[in-house]
Amino acid sequence: MPRLGNWIEPHPEGIYVRPADTWVDPSQAKPRALVTHGHADHARGGHGEVWATPETLAIMATRYGEQNGRGVGYGESVRIGEVDVGFVPAGHVLGSAQIILEYRGEKVVVSGDYKRRPDPTCAPFVPVPCDIFITEATFGLPVFRHPDTGSEIDRLLHRLHADPERCVLVGAYALGKAQRVITELRARGHDEPIYYHGAMERLCRLYEELGVELGDLRPVAGATKEELKGRIIICPPGALNDRWSRRLPDPVTAMASGWMRIRQRARQRNVELPLIISDHADWDELTQTIQDVAPNEVWITHGREDALMHWCMLHQIKARELNLVGYGDEDD
């Protein structure tokens, strides 16, 4: 009897779907690529053809230049070679998708990066029952249980109001995390201007063009120290402690990341206010998702594979790790 999923070939640079002659999230340029979302460890320029959601194609065009793109909306299905391919929401960032692959009666779902928490900037994750679930495991350890997002935003606002002579400088990745923090602040009633580092401008504008309302955003460039007192400023993580931040009024340094659960990570970055806000599933969400989709097999693409494999074994689910390379935590 043929092995389940023997038409899917994991390679170090990505997943090759043989009967479609296409790759999923390849880290090298390929003639044809299916892309789950726009982060740099999953999307890159140089492919011959790119199949992705319209939002992901717009993000890729902004980051890497125009693509030879074929847009596939959520819930649509297209035929590529001998494979039916569909895209459903992954809940990770705007446009992020799980990719459904159906071939000769077998259904494989490639999760890409995903989360189960509500996020006002993107469509929520949709569990799809399947034969093989190819999942990430970025936070695949029981220690990673993310707190309520609203409570973390409340901590940020409390710190802001506690010392109005200072500003709060929040490190957040430019695609997804920055816009999520801004919209979560707005949902908490923070209608004041939010200032941003210049590196955030293009993607914030694109989110607004794609229908995500971010409110009153202003560039730090040109603002005086007096104007920035009592304000929240969003910047890339790398700008938290560089020369750029020295012009700000005694900033409280914060960072929004699932890795802020690890105190050593916060200390390494000199983060005064760690905010545990992640765009990935935590341990409970990873294991719950596997139960929801009820696969015969789980393939783990990257992250903390061992613990999730052990959990699958305890629950009589066959599992394997794929050892893909080039997947990082740009979007944690």
C-alpha atoms as a PDB file:
ATOM      1  CA  MET A   1       0.000   0.000   0.000  1.00  0.00           C
ATOM      2  CA  PRO A   2       1.474   3.402  -0.967  1.00  0.00           C
ATOM      3  CA  ARG A   3       2.652   5.586   1.900  1.00  0.00           C
ATOM      4  CA  LEU A   4       0.273   8.401   2.816  1.00  0.00           C
ATOM      5  CA  GLY A   5       1.382  11.650   1.216  1.00  0.00           C
ATOM      6  CA  ASN A   6       4.034  10.047  -0.983  1.00  0.00           C
ATOM      7  CA  TRP A   7       3.380  12.803  -3.557  1.00  0.00           C
ATOM      8  CA  ILE A   8       4.632  15.489  -1.134  1.00  0.00           C
ATOM      9  CA  GLU A   9       8.432  15.783  -0.955  1.00  0.00           C
ATOM     10  CA  PRO A  10      10.060  17.728   1.894  1.00  0.00           C
ATOM     11  CA  HIS A  11      13.376  19.313   0.912  1.00  0.00           C
ATOM     12  CA  PRO A  12      15.616  21.578   3.019  1.00  0.00           C
ATOM     13  CA  GLU A  13      14.498  24.593   0.960  1.00  0.00           C
ATOM     14  CA  GLY A  14      10.763  23.847   1.062  1.00  0.00           C
ATOM     15  CA  ILE A  15       7.969  21.395   0.286  1.00  0.00           C
ATOM     16  CA  TYR A  16       7.692  20.093  -3.290  1.00  0.00           C
ATOM     17  CA  VAL A  17       4.268  18.998  -4.529  1.00  0.00           C
ATOM     18  CA  ARG A  18       5.211  16.604  -7.300  1.00  0.00           C
ATOM     19  CA  PRO A  19       1.903  16.179  -9.249  1.00  0.00           C
ATOM     20  CA  ALA A  20       1.512  19.992  -9.328  1.00  0.00           C
ATOM     21  CA  ASP A  21       5.203  20.638 -10.056  1.00  0.00           C
ATOM     22  CA  THR A  22       5.135  23.422  -7.490  1.00  0.00           C
ATOM     23  CA  TRP A  23       6.735  24.370  -4.165  1.00  0.00           C
ATOM     24  CA  VAL A  24       5.208  25.632  -0.916  1.00  0.00           C
ATOM     25  CA  ASP A  25       7.054  28.551   0.747  1.00  0.00           C
ATOM     26  CA  PRO A  26      10.418  27.763  -0.863  1.00  0.00           C
ATOM     27  CA  SER A  27      13.434  29.632   0.501  1.00  0.00           C
ATOM     28  CA  GLN A  28      15.036  29.598  -2.960  1.00  0.00           C
ATOM     29  CA  ALA A  29      13.651  30.978  -6.227  1.00  0.00           C
ATOM     30  CA  LYS A  30      11.513  28.356  -8.020  1.00  0.00           C
ATOM     31  CA  PRO A  31       9.547  28.279 -11.295  1.00  0.00           C
ATOM     32  CA  ARG A  32       6.265  28.065  -9.362  1.00  0.00           C
ATOM     33  CA  ALA A  33       5.570  28.762  -5.665  1.00  0.00           C
ATOM     34  CA  LEU A  34       2.554  28.631  -3.388  1.00  0.00           C
ATOM     35  CA  VAL A  35       3.118  31.198  -0.623  1.00  0.00           C
ATOM     36  CA  THR A  36       1.308  31.112   2.735  1.00  0.00           C
ATOM     37  CA  HIS A  37       2.081  34.700   3.792  1.00  0.00           C
ATOM     38  CA  GLY A  38       4.384  37.657   3.259  1.00  0.00           C
ATOM     39  CA  HIS A  39       7.069  37.253   5.960  1.00  0.00           C
ATOM     40  CA  ALA A  40      10.590  36.991   4.615  1.00  0.00           C
ATOM     41  CA  ASP A  41      11.176  33.465   5.916  1.00  0.00           C
ATOM     42  CA  HIS A  42       8.216  32.228   3.812  1.00  0.00           C
ATOM     43  CA  ALA A  43       8.061  34.680   0.896  1.00  0.00           C
ATOM     44  CA  ARG A  44      10.805  35.967  -1.364  1.00  0.00           C
ATOM     45  CA  GLY A  45      11.161  37.503  -4.781  1.00  0.00           C
ATOM     46  CA  GLY A  46      12.447  35.786  -7.913  1.00  0.00           C
ATOM     47  CA  HIS A  47       9.878  33.010  -8.419  1.00  0.00           C
ATOM     48  CA  GLY A  48       8.570  32.376 -11.920  1.00  0.00           C
ATOM     49  CA  GLU A  49       4.946  32.284 -10.711  1.00  0.00           C
ATOM     50  CA  VAL A  50       3.504  33.017  -7.267  1.00  0.00           C
ATOM     51  CA  TRP A  51       0.126  31.702  -6.132  1.00  0.00           C
ATOM     52  CA  ALA A  52      -1.108  33.420  -2.955  1.00  0.00           C
ATOM     53  CA  THR A  53      -3.987  35.457  -1.568  1.00  0.00           C
ATOM     54  CA  PRO A  54      -4.412  38.923  -3.115  1.00  0.00           C
ATOM     55  CA  GLU A  55      -3.310  40.517   0.174  1.00  0.00           C
ATOM     56  CA  THR A  56      -0.113  38.436   0.308  1.00  0.00           C
ATOM     57  CA  LEU A  57       0.651  39.359  -3.301  1.00  0.00           C
ATOM     58  CA  ALA A  58       0.211  43.053  -2.408  1.00  0.00           C
ATOM     59  CA  ILE A  59       2.544  42.650   0.586  1.00  0.00           C
ATOM     60  CA  MET A  60       5.130  40.855  -1.557  1.00  0.00           C
ATOM     61  CA  ALA A  61       4.921  43.602  -4.184  1.00  0.00           C
ATOM     62  CA  THR A  62       5.536  46.215  -1.467  1.00  0.00           C
ATOM     63  CA  ARG A  63       8.489  44.323   0.012  1.00  0.00           C
ATOM     64  CA  TYR A  64      10.105  42.687  -3.036  1.00  0.00           C
ATOM     65  CA  GLY A  65       8.678  44.404  -6.113  1.00  0.00           C
ATOM     66  CA  GLU A  66       5.939  43.283  -8.456  1.00  0.00           C
ATOM     67  CA  GLN A  67       5.421  39.522  -8.720  1.00  0.00           C
ATOM     68  CA  ASN A  68       4.099  37.329 -11.516  1.00  0.00           C
ATOM     69  CA  GLY A  69       1.205  36.661  -9.184  1.00  0.00           C
ATOM     70  CA  ARG A  70      -1.941  34.568  -9.379  1.00  0.00           C
ATOM     71  CA  GLY A  71      -4.361  35.624  -6.650  1.00  0.00           C
ATOM     72  CA  VAL A  72      -6.500  33.010  -4.921  1.00  0.00           C
ATOM     73  CA  GLY A  73      -9.095  34.244  -2.439  1.00  0.00           C
ATOM     74  CA  TYR A  74     -10.110  32.453   0.739  1.00  0.00           C
ATOM     75  CA  GLY A  75     -12.419  29.549  -0.045  1.00  0.00           C
ATOM     76  CA  GLU A  76     -11.482  29.446  -3.737  1.00  0.00           C
ATOM     77  CA  SER A  77     -10.004  26.348  -5.346  1.00  0.00           C
ATOM     78  CA  VAL A  78      -7.726  26.160  -8.384  1.00  0.00           C
ATOM     79  CA  ARG A  79      -6.327  23.215 -10.306  1.00  0.00           C
ATOM     80  CA  ILE A  80      -2.549  23.129 -10.665  1.00  0.00           C
ATOM     81  CA  GLY A  81      -1.324  20.109 -12.576  1.00  0.00           C
ATOM     82  CA  GLU A  82      -3.217  17.189 -11.037  1.00  0.00           C
ATOM     83  CA  VAL A  83      -3.772  18.854  -7.641  1.00  0.00           C
ATOM     84  CA  ASP A  84      -6.712  20.896  -6.365  1.00  0.00           C
ATOM     85  CA  VAL A  85      -5.309  23.810  -4.343  1.00  0.00           C
ATOM     86  CA  GLY A  86      -7.255  25.979  -1.909  1.00  0.00           C
ATOM     87  CA  PHE A  87      -6.448  28.794   0.514  1.00  0.00           C
ATOM     88  CA  VAL A  88      -8.151  29.262   3.914  1.00  0.00           C
ATOM     89  CA  PRO A  89      -7.332  31.770   6.677  1.00  0.00           C
ATOM     90  CA  ALA A  90      -4.400  31.087   9.004  1.00  0.00           C
ATOM     91  CA  GLY A  91      -4.979  34.019  11.388  1.00  0.00           C
ATOM     92  CA  HIS A  92      -1.277  34.926  11.378  1.00  0.00           C
ATOM     93  CA  VAL A  93      -1.077  38.270   9.539  1.00  0.00           C
ATOM     94  CA  LEU A  94      -3.113  40.017   6.852  1.00  0.00           C
ATOM     95  CA  GLY A  95      -3.562  37.652   3.893  1.00  0.00           C
ATOM     96  CA  SER A  96      -1.999  34.655   5.631  1.00  0.00           C
ATOM     97  CA  ALA A  97      -3.365  31.316   4.501  1.00  0.00           C
ATOM     98  CA  GLN A  98      -3.229  27.623   5.068  1.00  0.00           C
ATOM     99  CA  ILE A  99      -2.826  25.810   1.778  1.00  0.00           C
ATOM    100  CA  ILE A 100      -5.102  22.823   1.080  1.00  0.00           C
ATOM    101  CA  LEU A 101      -3.736  20.227  -1.351  1.00  0.00           C
ATOM    102  CA  GLU A 102      -6.042  17.473  -2.635  1.00  0.00           C
ATOM    103  CA  TYR A 103      -4.803  14.639  -4.844  1.00  0.00           C
ATOM    104  CA  ARG A 104      -6.323  11.229  -5.542  1.00  0.00           C
ATOM    105  CA  GLY A 105      -8.537  11.265  -2.485  1.00  0.00           C
ATOM    106  CA  GLU A 106      -5.895  12.529  -0.032  1.00  0.00           C
ATOM    107  CA  LYS A 107      -6.081  15.927   1.631  1.00  0.00           C
ATOM    108  CA  VAL A 108      -2.975  17.670   2.948  1.00  0.00           C
ATOM    109  CA  VAL A 109      -3.116  21.001   4.782  1.00  0.00           C
ATOM    110  CA  VAL A 110       0.036  23.134   5.064  1.00  0.00           C
ATOM    111  CA  SER A 111      -0.608  25.499   7.970  1.00  0.00           C
ATOM    112  CA  GLY A 112       2.147  28.026   7.313  1.00  0.00           C
ATOM    113  CA  ASP A 113       2.435  30.169  10.447  1.00  0.00           C
ATOM    114  CA  TYR A 114      -0.811  30.516  12.354  1.00  0.00           C
ATOM    115  CA  LYS A 115      -2.511  31.545  15.567  1.00  0.00           C
ATOM    116  CA  ARG A 116      -5.922  30.960  17.113  1.00  0.00           C
ATOM    117  CA  ARG A 117      -6.258  34.245  19.071  1.00  0.00           C
ATOM    118  CA  PRO A 118      -8.575  36.968  17.729  1.00  0.00           C
ATOM    119  CA  ASP A 119      -6.718  39.576  15.681  1.00  0.00           C
ATOM    120  CA  PRO A 120      -8.549  42.631  14.296  1.00  0.00           C
ATOM    121  CA  THR A 121      -6.101  42.894  11.370  1.00  0.00           C
ATOM    122  CA  CYS A 122      -6.734  39.517   9.719  1.00  0.00           C
ATOM    123  CA  ALA A 123      -9.281  36.766   9.139  1.00  0.00           C
ATOM    124  CA  PRO A 124      -9.428  34.120  11.896  1.00  0.00           C
ATOM    125  CA  PHE A 125      -7.917  30.649  11.561  1.00  0.00           C
ATOM    126  CA  VAL A 126     -10.206  28.014  10.035  1.00  0.00           C
ATOM    127  CA  PRO A 127      -9.552  24.381  11.050  1.00  0.00           C
ATOM    128  CA  VAL A 128      -9.743  22.009   8.069  1.00  0.00           C
ATOM    129  CA  PRO A 129      -9.962  18.244   8.728  1.00  0.00           C
ATOM    130  CA  CYS A 130      -7.318  16.444   6.683  1.00  0.00           C
ATOM    131  CA  ASP A 131      -5.222  13.310   6.237  1.00  0.00           C
ATOM    132  CA  ILE A 132      -1.883  15.062   6.797  1.00  0.00           C
ATOM    133  CA  PHE A 133      -1.482  18.297   8.747  1.00  0.00           C
ATOM    134  CA  ILE A 134       1.832  20.048   8.083  1.00  0.00           C
ATOM    135  CA  THR A 135       2.219  22.399  11.034  1.00  0.00           C
ATOM    136  CA  GLU A 136       4.675  24.901  12.445  1.00  0.00           C
ATOM    137  CA  ALA A 137       5.825  24.536  16.068  1.00  0.00           C
ATOM    138  CA  THR A 138       7.494  27.879  16.804  1.00  0.00           C
ATOM    139  CA  PHE A 139       6.199  27.831  20.374  1.00  0.00           C
ATOM    140  CA  GLY A 140       5.907  24.064  20.632  1.00  0.00           C
ATOM    141  CA  LEU A 141       6.829  23.698  24.310  1.00  0.00           C
ATOM    142  CA  PRO A 142       4.391  23.529  27.263  1.00  0.00           C
ATOM    143  CA  VAL A 143       6.083  26.585  28.848  1.00  0.00           C
ATOM    144  CA  PHE A 144       4.638  28.735  26.068  1.00  0.00           C
ATOM    145  CA  ARG A 145       1.107  29.660  27.070  1.00  0.00           C
ATOM    146  CA  HIS A 146       0.374  33.167  25.848  1.00  0.00           C
ATOM    147  CA  PRO A 147      -1.619  35.486  28.151  1.00  0.00           C
ATOM    148  CA  ASP A 148      -4.707  37.404  27.092  1.00  0.00           C
ATOM    149  CA  THR A 149      -3.739  40.042  24.532  1.00  0.00           C
ATOM    150  CA  GLY A 150      -5.987  42.689  26.069  1.00  0.00           C
ATOM    151  CA  SER A 151      -4.263  42.368  29.445  1.00  0.00           C
ATOM    152  CA  GLU A 152      -0.875  42.950  27.795  1.00  0.00           C
ATOM    153  CA  ILE A 153      -2.214  46.062  26.045  1.00  0.00           C
ATOM    154  CA  ASP A 154      -3.588  47.261  29.390  1.00  0.00           C
ATOM    155  CA  ARG A 155      -0.099  46.890  30.899  1.00  0.00           C
ATOM    156  CA  LEU A 156       1.275  49.026  28.079  1.00  0.00           C
ATOM    157  CA  LEU A 157      -1.323  51.756  28.616  1.00  0.00           C
ATOM    158  CA  HIS A 158      -0.833  51.701  32.390  1.00  0.00           C
ATOM    159  CA  ARG A 159       2.896  52.250  31.924  1.00  0.00           C
ATOM    160  CA  LEU A 160       2.258  55.084  29.462  1.00  0.00           C
ATOM    161  CA  HIS A 161      -0.078  56.918  31.850  1.00  0.00           C
ATOM    162  CA  ALA A 162       2.145  56.325  34.905  1.00  0.00           C
ATOM    163  CA  ASP A 163       4.807  58.752  33.643  1.00  0.00           C
ATOM    164  CA  PRO A 164       3.532  61.241  31.048  1.00  0.00           C
ATOM    165  CA  GLU A 165       6.951  62.900  30.772  1.00  0.00           C
ATOM    166  CA  ARG A 166       8.299  59.764  29.080  1.00  0.00           C
ATOM    167  CA  CYS A 167       7.272  57.922  25.919  1.00  0.00           C
ATOM    168  CA  VAL A 168       6.841  54.173  25.441  1.00  0.00           C
ATOM    169  CA  LEU A 169       8.868  52.773  22.556  1.00  0.00           C
ATOM    170  CA  VAL A 170       7.432  49.443  21.381  1.00  0.00           C
ATOM    171  CA  GLY A 171       9.552  47.103  19.273  1.00  0.00           C
ATOM    172  CA  ALA A 172       7.276  45.257  16.847  1.00  0.00           C
ATOM    173  CA  TYR A 173       7.901  43.616  13.493  1.00  0.00           C
ATOM    174  CA  ALA A 174       6.871  45.800  10.571  1.00  0.00           C
ATOM    175  CA  LEU A 175       4.528  43.245   8.974  1.00  0.00           C
ATOM    176  CA  GLY A 176       1.635  42.152  11.141  1.00  0.00           C
ATOM    177  CA  LYS A 177       2.788  42.754  14.697  1.00  0.00           C
ATOM    178  CA  ALA A 178       3.009  46.559  14.425  1.00  0.00           C
ATOM    179  CA  GLN A 179      -0.457  46.869  12.897  1.00  0.00           C
ATOM    180  CA  ARG A 180      -1.921  44.430  15.395  1.00  0.00           C
ATOM    181  CA  VAL A 181      -0.533  46.366  18.369  1.00  0.00           C
ATOM    182  CA  ILE A 182      -1.953  49.592  16.922  1.00  0.00           C
ATOM    183  CA  THR A 183      -5.430  48.132  16.350  1.00  0.00           C
ATOM    184  CA  GLU A 184      -5.449  46.481  19.794  1.00  0.00           C
ATOM    185  CA  LEU A 185      -4.606  49.869  21.318  1.00  0.00           C
ATOM    186  CA  ARG A 186      -7.481  51.458  19.392  1.00  0.00           C
ATOM    187  CA  ALA A 187      -9.843  48.715  20.597  1.00  0.00           C
ATOM    188  CA  ARG A 188      -8.795  49.605  24.163  1.00  0.00           C
ATOM    189  CA  GLY A 189      -9.871  53.208  23.577  1.00  0.00           C
ATOM    190  CA  HIS A 190      -6.456  54.741  22.876  1.00  0.00           C
ATOM    191  CA  ASP A 191      -7.396  57.345  20.260  1.00  0.00           C
ATOM    192  CA  GLU A 192      -4.290  59.527  20.686  1.00  0.00           C
ATOM    193  CA  PRO A 193      -1.756  59.852  17.860  1.00  0.00           C
ATOM    194  CA  ILE A 194       0.620  56.889  17.622  1.00  0.00           C
ATOM    195  CA  TYR A 195       4.044  57.663  16.197  1.00  0.00           C
ATOM    196  CA  TYR A 196       6.101  55.343  14.024  1.00  0.00           C
ATOM    197  CA  HIS A 197       9.654  54.764  12.841  1.00  0.00           C
ATOM    198  CA  GLY A 198      10.071  55.390   9.112  1.00  0.00           C
ATOM    199  CA  ALA A 199      10.555  51.667   8.430  1.00  0.00           C
ATOM    200  CA  MET A 200       6.908  51.091   9.400  1.00  0.00           C
ATOM    201  CA  GLU A 201       5.342  53.533   6.974  1.00  0.00           C
ATOM    202  CA  ARG A 202       4.971  51.485   3.763  1.00  0.00           C
ATOM    203  CA  LEU A 203       3.296  48.492   5.375  1.00  0.00           C
ATOM    204  CA  CYS A 204       1.050  50.578   7.624  1.00  0.00           C
ATOM    205  CA  ARG A 205      -0.134  52.489   4.544  1.00  0.00           C
ATOM    206  CA  LEU A 206      -0.695  49.209   2.688  1.00  0.00           C
ATOM    207  CA  TYR A 207      -2.766  47.787   5.565  1.00  0.00           C
ATOM    208  CA  GLU A 208      -4.946  50.897   5.449  1.00  0.00           C
ATOM    209  CA  GLU A 209      -5.299  50.590   1.665  1.00  0.00           C
ATOM    210  CA  LEU A 210      -6.442  46.992   2.223  1.00  0.00           C
ATOM    211  CA  GLY A 211      -9.113  48.083   4.695  1.00  0.00           C
ATOM    212  CA  VAL A 212      -7.452  47.893   8.126  1.00  0.00           C
ATOM    213  CA  GLU A 213      -8.113  51.151  10.020  1.00  0.00           C
ATOM    214  CA  LEU A 214      -5.154  52.274  12.142  1.00  0.00           C
ATOM    215  CA  GLY A 215      -6.302  55.721  13.262  1.00  0.00           C
ATOM    216  CA  ASP A 216      -4.068  58.772  13.700  1.00  0.00           C
ATOM    217  CA  LEU A 217      -0.518  57.692  12.786  1.00  0.00           C
ATOM    218  CA  ARG A 218       2.361  60.142  12.588  1.00  0.00           C
ATOM    219  CA  PRO A 219       6.054  59.789  11.715  1.00  0.00           C
ATOM    220  CA  VAL A 220       8.618  60.440  14.433  1.00  0.00           C
ATOM    221  CA  ALA A 221      10.671  62.348  11.881  1.00  0.00           C
ATOM    222  CA  GLY A 222       9.932  66.026  12.339  1.00  0.00           C
ATOM    223  CA  ALA A 223       8.261  65.652  15.757  1.00  0.00           C
ATOM    224  CA  THR A 224       9.774  67.472  18.729  1.00  0.00           C
ATOM    225  CA  LYS A 225      10.688  65.839  22.029  1.00  0.00           C
ATOM    226  CA  GLU A 226       7.862  67.753  23.663  1.00  0.00           C
ATOM    227  CA  GLU A 227       5.341  66.356  21.159  1.00  0.00           C
ATOM    228  CA  LEU A 228       6.542  62.814  21.851  1.00  0.00           C
ATOM    229  CA  LYS A 229       6.112  62.963  25.634  1.00  0.00           C
ATOM    230  CA  GLY A 230       3.281  60.682  26.765  1.00  0.00           C
ATOM    231  CA  ARG A 231       3.108  59.028  23.349  1.00  0.00           C
ATOM    232  CA  ILE A 232       3.426  55.467  22.091  1.00  0.00           C
ATOM    233  CA  ILE A 233       6.009  54.989  19.364  1.00  0.00           C
ATOM    234  CA  ILE A 234       6.244  51.836  17.233  1.00  0.00           C
ATOM    235  CA  CYS A 235       9.606  50.822  15.790  1.00  0.00           C
ATOM    236  CA  PRO A 236      11.398  47.728  14.440  1.00  0.00           C
ATOM    237  CA  PRO A 237      12.980  45.641  17.228  1.00  0.00           C
ATOM    238  CA  GLY A 238      16.445  46.541  15.968  1.00  0.00           C
ATOM    239  CA  ALA A 239      15.803  50.241  16.574  1.00  0.00           C
ATOM    240  CA  LEU A 240      14.958  49.871  20.287  1.00  0.00           C
ATOM    241  CA  ASN A 241      18.474  50.619  21.487  1.00  0.00           C
ATOM    242  CA  ASP A 242      20.201  52.224  18.515  1.00  0.00           C
ATOM    243  CA  ARG A 243      21.170  55.852  17.935  1.00  0.00           C
ATOM    244  CA  TRP A 244      17.732  56.667  16.508  1.00  0.00           C
ATOM    245  CA  SER A 245      16.039  56.158  19.887  1.00  0.00           C
ATOM    246  CA  ARG A 246      18.297  58.655  21.685  1.00  0.00           C
ATOM    247  CA  ARG A 247      16.308  61.600  20.336  1.00  0.00           C
ATOM    248  CA  LEU A 248      13.181  60.381  22.186  1.00  0.00           C
ATOM    249  CA  PRO A 249      12.041  61.682  25.615  1.00  0.00           C
ATOM    250  CA  ASP A 250      13.432  59.095  28.068  1.00  0.00           C
ATOM    251  CA  PRO A 251      11.734  56.117  26.387  1.00  0.00           C
ATOM    252  CA  VAL A 252      10.379  53.123  28.268  1.00  0.00           C
ATOM    253  CA  THR A 253      11.554  50.278  26.027  1.00  0.00           C
ATOM    254  CA  ALA A 254       8.923  47.623  25.339  1.00  0.00           C
ATOM    255  CA  MET A 255       8.775  44.710  22.933  1.00  0.00           C
ATOM    256  CA  ALA A 256       5.764  42.768  21.658  1.00  0.00           C
ATOM    257  CA  SER A 257       6.745  39.136  21.089  1.00  0.00           C
ATOM    258  CA  GLY A 258       5.928  35.631  22.202  1.00  0.00           C
ATOM    259  CA  TRP A 259       9.612  35.302  23.126  1.00  0.00           C
ATOM    260  CA  MET A 260       9.111  37.853  25.893  1.00  0.00           C
ATOM    261  CA  ARG A 261       7.918  34.887  27.955  1.00  0.00           C
ATOM    262  CA  ILE A 262      11.654  34.113  28.277  1.00  0.00           C
ATOM    263  CA  ARG A 263      13.123  36.676  30.683  1.00  0.00           C
ATOM    264  CA  GLN A 264      16.630  36.217  29.328  1.00  0.00           C
ATOM    265  CA  ARG A 265      15.455  37.346  25.884  1.00  0.00           C
ATOM    266  CA  ALA A 266      14.016  40.527  27.386  1.00  0.00           C
ATOM    267  CA  ARG A 267      17.240  41.223  29.300  1.00  0.00           C
ATOM    268  CA  GLN A 268      19.366  40.628  26.199  1.00  0.00           C
ATOM    269  CA  ARG A 269      17.418  43.337  24.366  1.00  0.00           C
ATOM    270  CA  ASN A 270      17.352  45.694  27.376  1.00  0.00           C
ATOM    271  CA  VAL A 271      13.563  45.553  27.337  1.00  0.00           C
ATOM    272  CA  GLU A 272      12.006  47.311  30.305  1.00  0.00           C
ATOM    273  CA  LEU A 273       8.409  46.328  29.498  1.00  0.00           C
ATOM    274  CA  PRO A 274       8.127  42.854  27.910  1.00  0.00           C
ATOM    275  CA  LEU A 275       4.746  42.351  26.206  1.00  0.00           C
ATOM    276  CA  ILE A 276       3.862  38.731  25.482  1.00  0.00           C
ATOM    277  CA  ILE A 277       1.942  39.256  22.250  1.00  0.00           C
ATOM    278  CA  SER A 278       2.536  36.552  19.665  1.00  0.00           C
ATOM    279  CA  ASP A 279       1.317  35.940  16.136  1.00  0.00           C
ATOM    280  CA  HIS A 280       1.937  32.195  16.521  1.00  0.00           C
ATOM    281  CA  ALA A 281      -0.068  29.483  18.248  1.00  0.00           C
ATOM    282  CA  ASP A 282       1.057  28.618  21.760  1.00  0.00           C
ATOM    283  CA  TRP A 283       1.369  25.065  23.096  1.00  0.00           C
ATOM    284  CA  ASP A 284      -2.327  24.667  23.944  1.00  0.00           C
ATOM    285  CA  GLU A 285      -3.384  26.068  20.576  1.00  0.00           C
ATOM    286  CA  LEU A 286      -1.004  23.796  18.662  1.00  0.00           C
ATOM    287  CA  THR A 287      -2.290  20.680  20.382  1.00  0.00           C
ATOM    288  CA  GLN A 288      -5.942  21.792  20.206  1.00  0.00           C
ATOM    289  CA  THR A 289      -5.569  22.456  16.481  1.00  0.00           C
ATOM    290  CA  ILE A 290      -4.241  18.953  15.869  1.00  0.00           C
ATOM    291  CA  GLN A 291      -7.260  17.587  17.720  1.00  0.00           C
ATOM    292  CA  ASP A 292      -9.584  19.843  15.697  1.00  0.00           C
ATOM    293  CA  VAL A 293      -8.281  18.773  12.283  1.00  0.00           C
ATOM    294  CA  ALA A 294      -7.933  15.091  13.352  1.00  0.00           C
ATOM    295  CA  PRO A 295      -5.188  14.084  10.889  1.00  0.00           C
ATOM    296  CA  ASN A 296      -3.787  10.603  10.369  1.00  0.00           C
ATOM    297  CA  GLU A 297      -0.303  12.124  10.350  1.00  0.00           C
ATOM    298  CA  VAL A 298       1.324  15.358  11.556  1.00  0.00           C
ATOM    299  CA  TRP A 299       4.413  16.716   9.816  1.00  0.00           C
ATOM    300  CA  ILE A 300       6.275  19.458  11.687  1.00  0.00           C
ATOM    301  CA  THR A 301       8.076  22.032   9.556  1.00  0.00           C
ATOM    302  CA  HIS A 302      10.044  24.127  12.047  1.00  0.00           C
ATOM    303  CA  GLY A 303      10.245  25.212  15.651  1.00  0.00           C
ATOM    304  CA  ARG A 304      10.294  23.025  18.769  1.00  0.00           C
ATOM    305  CA  GLU A 305       9.611  19.718  17.038  1.00  0.00           C
ATOM    306  CA  ASP A 306      10.538  17.197  19.740  1.00  0.00           C
ATOM    307  CA  ALA A 307       7.877  18.080  22.307  1.00  0.00           C
ATOM    308  CA  LEU A 308       5.084  18.192  19.724  1.00  0.00           C
ATOM    309  CA  MET A 309       6.210  14.876  18.251  1.00  0.00           C
ATOM    310  CA  HIS A 310       6.145  13.349  21.726  1.00  0.00           C
ATOM    311  CA  TRP A 311       2.626  14.715  22.327  1.00  0.00           C
ATOM    312  CA  CYS A 312       1.471  13.184  19.035  1.00  0.00           C
ATOM    313  CA  MET A 313       3.002   9.827  20.009  1.00  0.00           C
ATOM    314  CA  LEU A 314       1.145   9.882  23.337  1.00  0.00           C
ATOM    315  CA  HIS A 315      -2.094  10.517  21.412  1.00  0.00           C
ATOM    316  CA  GLN A 316      -1.454   7.711  18.879  1.00  0.00           C
ATOM    317  CA  ILE A 317      -0.898  10.133  15.995  1.00  0.00           C
ATOM    318  CA  LYS A 318       1.953   9.409  13.594  1.00  0.00           C
ATOM    319  CA  ALA A 319       4.370  12.373  13.386  1.00  0.00           C
ATOM    320  CA  ARG A 320       7.589  13.347  11.647  1.00  0.00           C
ATOM    321  CA  GLU A 321       9.823  16.420  11.502  1.00  0.00           C
ATOM    322  CA  LEU A 322      10.749  17.865   8.111  1.00  0.00           C
ATOM    323  CA  ASN A 323      13.951  19.772   8.975  1.00  0.00           C
ATOM    324  CA  LEU A 324      13.347  22.666   6.621  1.00  0.00           C
ATOM    325  CA  VAL A 325      15.945  25.435   6.681  1.00  0.00           C
ATOM    326  CA  GLY A 326      15.630  29.196   6.510  1.00  0.00           C
ATOM    327  CA  TYR A 327      12.590  29.591   8.753  1.00  0.00           C
ATOM    328  CA  GLY A 328      13.203  32.077  11.565  1.00  0.00           C
ATOM    329  CA  ASP A 329      11.250  34.132  14.072  1.00  0.00           C
ATOM    330  CA  GLU A 330      10.904  37.390  12.150  1.00  0.00           C
ATOM    331  CA  ASP A 331       7.194  37.366  12.922  1.00  0.00           C
ATOM    332  CA  ASP A 332       7.053  36.067  16.473  1.00  0.00           C
END
